[in-house]
């Protein structure tokens, strides 16, 4: 790790050899400090969640309408950019929903699905019951992790392929909900196939989703019905309003997906080769991009700029992660494990991962 890539003042000025994460023992002092210093900031605050989500969605849809209706190219592009950033932020609340206790923030999950999840064809069932597997002590970084690939150890061409495939996500979701969902209601084998292969926001191509329990099935059923009805309405809209509105919307959603894929690419160092890892090893394979990184709040919103810290304390709500990081930074001395997951920005992380793919193996 280079000094320019890490915020640890004690980091060396040369690229270190890749760590074997499976051999890293837990830093008990860091784990204890993380638990003790954050006990009073672990509750999700409705006064932050609701205005943030509702405001992001409102700005995003208003800007999308502006992009569709604008007569000038530059105005349409400006509205489109605002729509991408705002809808991206609104969409990433799916991550918070996957971690929220069932009794926390009554009505928030339903409201988010109605306002964001279903309209963007990404209802929360695509992440609920899936993302928590990524945090499982014995699954992270293994072949059973739906959200992990050893990207830093793969071929150089795998990185651009990983990013650009995200552009296909919106039309693929329209196909999944407008065609495959209705057909699955008629053909049980197809429904099982769609559930296993196309019902999770996973990047591991080998992941197969298991059947949901009965309580989740009921909730997920209505989410899928809503998304299916909306997807079919989008297809029919072409015959009513023409292609322009749908194409603009798909372009905006494709850029949202691309943005999210770039963030995903730098959320971890992707250096594990499939072995089970300690919590500390998972932390070190994950990434924080804390202040003063000027743009990280845009490309990693809703607390995701503290992704390593989130792996250390997955139940801490997004609005408390900044304060948690500040407390730990004061409490733990430079040179200790905590500092090694702090990085300065997306560009340096992309360079690090790209360089790793070029090392002969």
Protein backbone atom coordinates (compact mmCIF):
# COMPACT_ATOMS: atom_id res chain seq x y z
CA UNK A 1 0.00 0.00 0.00
CA UNK A 2 1.40 3.39 -0.89
CA UNK A 3 1.33 6.46 1.28
CA UNK A 4 -0.67 8.32 -1.36
CA UNK A 5 -3.31 5.58 -1.28
CA UNK A 6 -3.63 5.37 2.48
CA UNK A 7 -4.46 8.04 5.04
CA UNK A 8 -2.21 6.34 7.56
CA UNK A 9 0.72 8.73 8.19
CA UNK A 10 2.88 5.74 9.05
CA UNK A 11 2.27 3.95 5.75
CA UNK A 12 5.38 3.19 3.66
CA UNK A 13 6.08 4.98 0.40
CA UNK A 14 6.31 1.82 -1.69
CA UNK A 15 3.68 -0.64 -2.90
CA UNK A 16 3.56 -3.46 -0.37
CA UNK A 17 2.99 -7.05 -1.33
CA UNK A 18 -0.63 -8.13 -1.41
CA UNK A 19 -1.79 -9.24 2.02
CA UNK A 20 -3.04 -12.78 2.49
CA UNK A 21 -6.29 -11.80 4.15
CA UNK A 22 -7.18 -15.28 5.33
CA UNK A 23 -4.09 -15.23 7.57
CA UNK A 24 -4.93 -11.93 9.31
CA UNK A 25 -5.94 -12.28 12.96
CA UNK A 26 -8.59 -10.11 14.55
CA UNK A 27 -7.47 -6.81 16.06
CA UNK A 28 -9.38 -7.15 19.33
CA UNK A 29 -8.54 -3.64 20.49
CA UNK A 30 -10.11 -2.15 17.35
CA UNK A 31 -13.18 -4.38 17.58
CA UNK A 32 -13.67 -3.51 21.24
CA UNK A 33 -13.27 0.22 20.58
CA UNK A 34 -15.75 0.07 17.71
CA UNK A 35 -18.36 -1.54 19.94
CA UNK A 36 -17.80 0.66 22.99
CA UNK A 37 -17.50 4.03 21.28
CA UNK A 38 -20.65 3.76 19.18
CA UNK A 39 -23.26 2.43 21.60
CA UNK A 40 -25.05 5.78 21.82
CA UNK A 41 -25.33 6.36 18.05
CA UNK A 42 -26.72 3.02 16.90
CA UNK A 43 -30.39 3.96 16.48
CA UNK A 44 -31.83 4.85 13.07
CA UNK A 45 -33.30 8.37 13.22
CA UNK A 46 -36.56 8.85 11.34
CA UNK A 47 -35.94 12.61 11.20
CA UNK A 48 -32.94 11.94 8.95
CA UNK A 49 -34.04 8.89 6.94
CA UNK A 50 -37.42 10.19 5.78
CA UNK A 51 -36.45 13.71 4.59
CA UNK A 52 -33.28 12.39 2.93
CA UNK A 53 -35.06 9.63 1.01
CA UNK A 54 -38.14 11.69 0.10
CA UNK A 55 -36.09 14.73 -0.90
CA UNK A 56 -33.70 12.69 -3.04
CA UNK A 57 -36.59 10.97 -4.82
CA UNK A 58 -38.49 14.22 -5.38
CA UNK A 59 -35.45 16.02 -6.82
CA UNK A 60 -34.58 13.00 -8.94
CA UNK A 61 -38.02 12.64 -10.52
CA UNK A 62 -38.38 16.39 -11.08
CA UNK A 63 -35.00 16.46 -12.82
CA UNK A 64 -35.93 13.39 -14.87
CA UNK A 65 -39.11 15.11 -16.01
CA UNK A 66 -37.01 18.12 -16.93
CA UNK A 67 -34.64 15.94 -18.96
CA UNK A 68 -37.58 14.42 -20.85
CA UNK A 69 -39.40 17.71 -21.49
CA UNK A 70 -36.43 20.04 -22.06
CA UNK A 71 -36.10 21.50 -25.55
CA UNK A 72 -32.42 22.43 -25.35
CA UNK A 73 -29.69 19.79 -25.34
CA UNK A 74 -27.65 21.39 -22.58
CA UNK A 75 -30.68 21.85 -20.33
CA UNK A 76 -31.66 18.22 -20.89
CA UNK A 77 -28.12 17.06 -20.04
CA UNK A 78 -28.01 19.22 -16.90
CA UNK A 79 -31.38 17.88 -15.74
CA UNK A 80 -30.23 14.36 -16.57
CA UNK A 81 -27.09 14.73 -14.44
CA UNK A 82 -29.12 15.98 -11.47
CA UNK A 83 -31.55 13.09 -11.97
CA UNK A 84 -28.70 10.56 -11.98
CA UNK A 85 -27.18 11.87 -8.74
CA UNK A 86 -30.47 12.27 -6.87
CA UNK A 87 -32.01 8.96 -7.96
CA UNK A 88 -28.72 7.21 -7.26
CA UNK A 89 -28.84 8.49 -3.68
CA UNK A 90 -32.50 7.53 -3.32
CA UNK A 91 -31.83 4.05 -4.71
CA UNK A 92 -28.97 3.36 -2.29
CA UNK A 93 -31.37 3.39 0.64
CA UNK A 94 -31.96 -0.23 -0.39
CA UNK A 95 -28.69 -0.93 1.42
CA UNK A 96 -29.98 0.62 4.63
CA UNK A 97 -33.28 -1.26 4.32
CA UNK A 98 -31.40 -4.58 4.14
CA UNK A 99 -29.86 -3.82 7.55
CA UNK A 100 -32.80 -2.15 9.33
CA UNK A 101 -34.41 -4.03 12.19
CA UNK A 102 -37.96 -5.04 11.28
CA UNK A 103 -39.40 -2.71 13.95
CA UNK A 104 -37.23 0.29 13.08
CA UNK A 105 -38.72 3.17 11.04
CA UNK A 106 -42.29 1.87 10.58
CA UNK A 107 -43.51 2.31 7.01
CA UNK A 108 -40.13 3.30 5.60
CA UNK A 109 -39.56 0.07 3.65
CA UNK A 110 -43.04 0.23 2.10
CA UNK A 111 -42.73 3.92 1.21
CA UNK A 112 -39.30 3.40 -0.34
CA UNK A 113 -40.57 0.51 -2.46
CA UNK A 114 -43.56 2.52 -3.69
CA UNK A 115 -41.57 5.67 -4.44
CA UNK A 116 -38.18 4.30 -5.49
CA UNK A 117 -37.80 0.53 -5.56
CA UNK A 118 -40.71 -0.31 -7.86
CA UNK A 119 -40.34 2.72 -10.20
CA UNK A 120 -36.64 1.91 -10.65
CA UNK A 121 -37.46 -1.81 -10.99
CA UNK A 122 -35.24 -2.59 -8.01
CA UNK A 123 -37.64 -3.52 -5.20
CA UNK A 124 -36.07 -4.25 -1.85
CA UNK A 125 -36.48 -8.01 -2.17
CA UNK A 126 -33.60 -7.87 -4.65
CA UNK A 127 -31.32 -7.07 -1.71
CA UNK A 128 -33.11 -8.23 1.43
CA UNK A 129 -31.94 -11.66 2.50
CA UNK A 130 -29.04 -11.40 0.04
CA UNK A 131 -26.82 -8.58 1.23
CA UNK A 132 -26.66 -9.96 4.77
CA UNK A 133 -24.95 -13.05 3.35
CA UNK A 134 -22.11 -10.75 2.28
CA UNK A 135 -21.63 -9.84 5.95
CA UNK A 136 -21.71 -13.41 7.24
CA UNK A 137 -18.48 -14.24 9.05
CA UNK A 138 -17.92 -17.49 7.14
CA UNK A 139 -19.15 -16.28 3.73
CA UNK A 140 -17.41 -12.97 3.04
CA UNK A 141 -14.91 -13.31 0.19
CA UNK A 142 -15.75 -16.96 -0.44
CA UNK A 143 -17.57 -18.64 -3.33
CA UNK A 144 -20.76 -18.41 -1.22
CA UNK A 145 -20.62 -14.61 -1.08
CA UNK A 146 -23.13 -13.15 -3.58
CA UNK A 147 -21.31 -9.80 -3.63
CA UNK A 148 -17.68 -10.81 -4.00
CA UNK A 149 -15.32 -11.60 -6.85
CA UNK A 150 -11.50 -11.57 -6.60
CA UNK A 151 -11.39 -8.75 -9.17
CA UNK A 152 -7.87 -7.65 -8.20
CA UNK A 153 -6.60 -11.15 -9.05
CA UNK A 154 -8.41 -11.51 -12.38
CA UNK A 155 -7.41 -10.49 -15.93
CA UNK A 156 -7.10 -6.77 -16.78
CA UNK A 157 -10.04 -6.89 -19.20
CA UNK A 158 -12.32 -8.07 -16.38
CA UNK A 159 -12.47 -4.58 -14.82
CA UNK A 160 -13.92 -2.66 -17.82
CA UNK A 161 -16.24 -5.61 -18.52
CA UNK A 162 -17.42 -5.53 -14.89
CA UNK A 163 -18.20 -1.81 -15.09
CA UNK A 164 -19.74 -1.59 -18.57
CA UNK A 165 -22.10 -4.52 -18.13
CA UNK A 166 -24.01 -2.32 -15.67
CA UNK A 167 -25.31 -0.26 -18.61
CA UNK A 168 -27.46 -3.24 -19.56
CA UNK A 169 -29.15 -3.44 -16.15
CA UNK A 170 -32.24 -1.25 -16.87
CA UNK A 171 -33.35 -3.02 -20.07
CA UNK A 172 -32.58 -6.35 -18.39
CA UNK A 173 -34.81 -5.40 -15.46
CA UNK A 174 -37.62 -4.42 -17.83
CA UNK A 175 -37.30 -7.85 -19.46
CA UNK A 176 -37.17 -9.60 -16.09
CA UNK A 177 -40.32 -7.95 -14.68
CA UNK A 178 -42.39 -7.31 -17.83
CA UNK A 179 -41.89 -10.76 -19.41
CA UNK A 180 -40.24 -13.30 -17.12
CA UNK A 181 -42.34 -12.52 -14.03
CA UNK A 182 -45.72 -13.00 -15.79
CA UNK A 183 -44.46 -16.13 -17.54
CA UNK A 184 -43.16 -17.44 -14.23
CA UNK A 185 -46.68 -17.22 -12.81
CA UNK A 186 -47.72 -19.75 -15.49
CA UNK A 187 -44.61 -21.94 -15.58
CA UNK A 188 -43.34 -22.90 -12.09
CA UNK A 189 -39.96 -24.14 -13.36
CA UNK A 190 -39.33 -20.79 -15.02
CA UNK A 191 -40.30 -18.98 -11.83
CA UNK A 192 -37.82 -21.06 -9.85
CA UNK A 193 -35.11 -20.31 -12.42
CA UNK A 194 -35.84 -16.57 -12.35
CA UNK A 195 -35.83 -16.52 -8.55
CA UNK A 196 -32.51 -18.34 -8.31
CA UNK A 197 -30.70 -16.43 -11.07
CA UNK A 198 -32.36 -13.01 -11.53
CA UNK A 199 -33.78 -11.98 -8.16
CA UNK A 200 -30.70 -10.72 -6.35
CA UNK A 201 -28.32 -7.79 -6.78
CA UNK A 202 -25.35 -10.13 -6.87
CA UNK A 203 -22.06 -9.90 -8.77
CA UNK A 204 -21.00 -13.51 -8.17
CA UNK A 205 -22.20 -15.44 -11.26
CA UNK A 206 -22.16 -18.68 -9.29
CA UNK A 207 -24.66 -17.45 -6.69
CA UNK A 208 -28.05 -19.18 -6.60
CA UNK A 209 -30.73 -17.67 -4.40
CA UNK A 210 -32.50 -20.02 -2.02
CA UNK A 211 -36.31 -19.93 -1.52
CA UNK A 212 -37.56 -17.22 0.82
CA UNK A 213 -39.33 -18.09 4.07
CA UNK A 214 -43.12 -17.76 4.28
CA UNK A 215 -43.16 -14.31 5.89
CA UNK A 216 -40.81 -12.90 3.28
CA UNK A 217 -42.66 -14.62 0.43
CA UNK A 218 -45.83 -12.63 1.18
CA UNK A 219 -43.98 -9.32 1.30
CA UNK A 220 -41.86 -10.10 -1.74
CA UNK A 221 -44.93 -11.18 -3.74
CA UNK A 222 -46.48 -7.71 -3.65
CA UNK A 223 -43.17 -6.06 -4.49
CA UNK A 224 -42.81 -8.28 -7.56
CA UNK A 225 -46.42 -7.68 -8.63
CA UNK A 226 -45.89 -3.93 -8.40
CA UNK A 227 -42.60 -4.05 -10.31
CA UNK A 228 -44.12 -6.31 -12.97
CA UNK A 229 -47.13 -4.03 -13.48
CA UNK A 230 -44.85 -0.98 -13.70
CA UNK A 231 -42.50 -2.66 -16.19
CA UNK A 232 -45.44 -3.60 -18.44
CA UNK A 233 -46.73 -0.02 -18.18
CA UNK A 234 -43.34 1.24 -19.35
CA UNK A 235 -43.51 -1.00 -22.40
CA UNK A 236 -47.07 0.12 -23.20
CA UNK A 237 -46.06 3.78 -22.74
CA UNK A 238 -44.12 3.59 -26.01
CA UNK A 239 -47.42 3.28 -27.90
CA UNK A 240 -48.91 6.24 -26.04
CA UNK A 241 -46.05 8.71 -25.64
CA UNK A 242 -43.53 7.45 -28.19
CA UNK A 243 -39.98 6.27 -27.55
CA UNK A 244 -38.44 9.51 -26.28
CA UNK A 245 -39.59 9.44 -22.60
CA UNK A 246 -38.68 5.78 -22.12
CA UNK A 247 -35.28 6.13 -23.80
CA UNK A 248 -34.38 9.16 -21.68
CA UNK A 249 -35.47 7.34 -18.54
CA UNK A 250 -33.49 4.23 -19.49
CA UNK A 251 -30.42 6.38 -20.22
CA UNK A 252 -30.66 8.00 -16.77
CA UNK A 253 -31.18 4.64 -15.05
CA UNK A 254 -28.26 3.14 -17.01
CA UNK A 255 -25.98 5.90 -15.74
CA UNK A 256 -27.25 5.32 -12.20
CA UNK A 257 -26.34 1.64 -12.61
CA UNK A 258 -22.93 2.55 -14.06
CA UNK A 259 -22.24 4.94 -11.18
CA UNK A 260 -23.18 2.27 -8.68
CA UNK A 261 -20.96 -0.30 -10.40
CA UNK A 262 -17.98 2.05 -10.20
CA UNK A 263 -18.67 2.54 -6.50
CA UNK A 264 -18.92 -1.22 -6.07
CA UNK A 265 -15.58 -1.67 -7.81
CA UNK A 266 -13.81 0.47 -5.22
CA UNK A 267 -15.84 -0.65 -2.19
CA UNK A 268 -13.33 -3.46 -1.60
CA UNK A 269 -9.78 -4.31 -2.61
CA UNK A 270 -11.00 -7.71 -3.91
CA UNK A 271 -7.80 -9.48 -2.91
CA UNK A 272 -9.19 -12.59 -1.22
CA UNK A 273 -8.86 -15.91 -3.01
CA UNK A 274 -11.87 -17.66 -1.50
CA UNK A 275 -10.84 -18.46 2.07
CA UNK A 276 -12.91 -17.52 5.12
CA UNK A 277 -11.66 -14.36 6.80
CA UNK A 278 -11.73 -12.74 10.23
CA UNK A 279 -13.73 -9.55 10.79
CA UNK A 280 -10.49 -7.56 10.80
CA UNK A 281 -9.44 -9.13 7.49
CA UNK A 282 -12.80 -8.19 6.00
CA UNK A 283 -12.28 -4.64 7.25
CA UNK A 284 -8.86 -4.44 5.63
CA UNK A 285 -10.22 -5.78 2.33
CA UNK A 286 -12.86 -3.02 2.42
CA UNK A 287 -12.54 0.71 1.85
CA UNK A 288 -13.19 3.97 3.70
CA UNK A 289 -12.90 7.25 1.79
CA UNK A 290 -13.44 9.75 4.62
CA UNK A 291 -13.21 13.57 4.48
CA UNK A 292 -11.52 15.56 3.09
CA UNK A 293 -12.09 13.50 -0.12
CA UNK A 294 -14.20 16.14 -1.95
CA UNK A 295 -16.37 13.94 -4.21
CA UNK A 296 -16.83 10.76 -2.18
CA UNK A 297 -20.14 11.99 -0.76
CA UNK A 298 -21.48 12.05 -4.35
CA UNK A 299 -20.22 8.69 -5.61
CA UNK A 300 -20.57 6.89 -2.26
CA UNK A 301 -23.60 8.51 -0.58
CA UNK A 302 -25.81 7.22 2.25
CA UNK A 303 -22.79 6.29 4.36
CA UNK A 304 -21.08 4.13 1.74
CA UNK A 305 -17.93 6.24 1.84
CA UNK A 306 -17.35 4.40 5.15
CA UNK A 307 -17.75 0.93 3.67
CA UNK A 308 -14.94 -0.68 5.68
CA UNK A 309 -16.34 0.79 8.88
CA UNK A 310 -19.75 -0.55 7.88
CA UNK A 311 -18.28 -4.06 7.67
CA UNK A 312 -16.93 -3.54 11.16
CA UNK A 313 -20.32 -2.34 12.49
CA UNK A 314 -23.05 -3.31 9.99
CA UNK A 315 -25.93 -2.32 12.29
CA UNK A 316 -24.84 1.31 12.71
CA UNK A 317 -27.09 3.57 10.58
CA UNK A 318 -25.60 5.55 7.74
CA UNK A 319 -26.02 8.94 9.42
CA UNK A 320 -23.86 7.82 12.37
CA UNK A 321 -20.90 6.41 10.44
CA UNK A 322 -19.15 9.77 10.07
CA UNK A 323 -19.25 10.35 13.82
CA UNK A 324 -18.19 6.75 14.49
CA UNK A 325 -15.19 7.20 12.19
CA UNK A 326 -14.23 10.46 13.91
CA UNK A 327 -14.34 8.83 17.35
CA UNK A 328 -12.26 5.85 16.29
CA UNK A 329 -9.77 8.08 14.51
CA UNK A 330 -9.21 10.02 17.73
CA UNK A 331 -9.08 6.91 19.90
CA UNK A 332 -6.85 4.66 17.75
CA UNK A 333 -3.29 5.79 17.05
CA UNK A 334 -1.91 6.24 13.50
CA UNK A 335 -0.25 3.08 12.30
CA UNK A 336 -2.84 0.79 13.87
CA UNK A 337 -5.18 -1.45 11.88
CA UNK A 338 -8.02 1.09 11.76
CA UNK A 339 -6.06 3.52 9.63
CA UNK A 340 -5.10 0.97 6.97
CA UNK A 341 -8.57 0.87 5.40
CA UNK A 342 -8.71 4.66 4.87
CA UNK A 343 -8.04 5.85 1.30
CA UNK A 344 -8.02 9.20 -0.48
CA UNK A 345 -10.31 8.70 -3.47
CA UNK A 346 -11.78 6.61 -6.26
CA UNK A 347 -9.07 7.29 -8.85
CA UNK A 348 -6.23 5.94 -6.68
CA UNK A 349 -8.28 2.89 -5.76
CA UNK A 350 -9.02 2.17 -9.42
CA UNK A 351 -5.32 2.44 -10.23
CA UNK A 352 -4.42 0.10 -7.36
CA UNK A 353 -6.90 -2.59 -8.44
CA UNK A 354 -5.98 -2.22 -12.13
CA UNK A 355 -2.26 -2.58 -11.32
CA UNK A 356 -3.00 -5.69 -9.32
CA UNK A 357 -4.71 -7.34 -12.32
CA UNK A 358 -1.53 -6.83 -14.36
CA UNK A 359 0.72 -8.78 -12.01
CA UNK A 360 1.56 -12.17 -13.61
CA UNK A 361 0.21 -15.11 -11.62
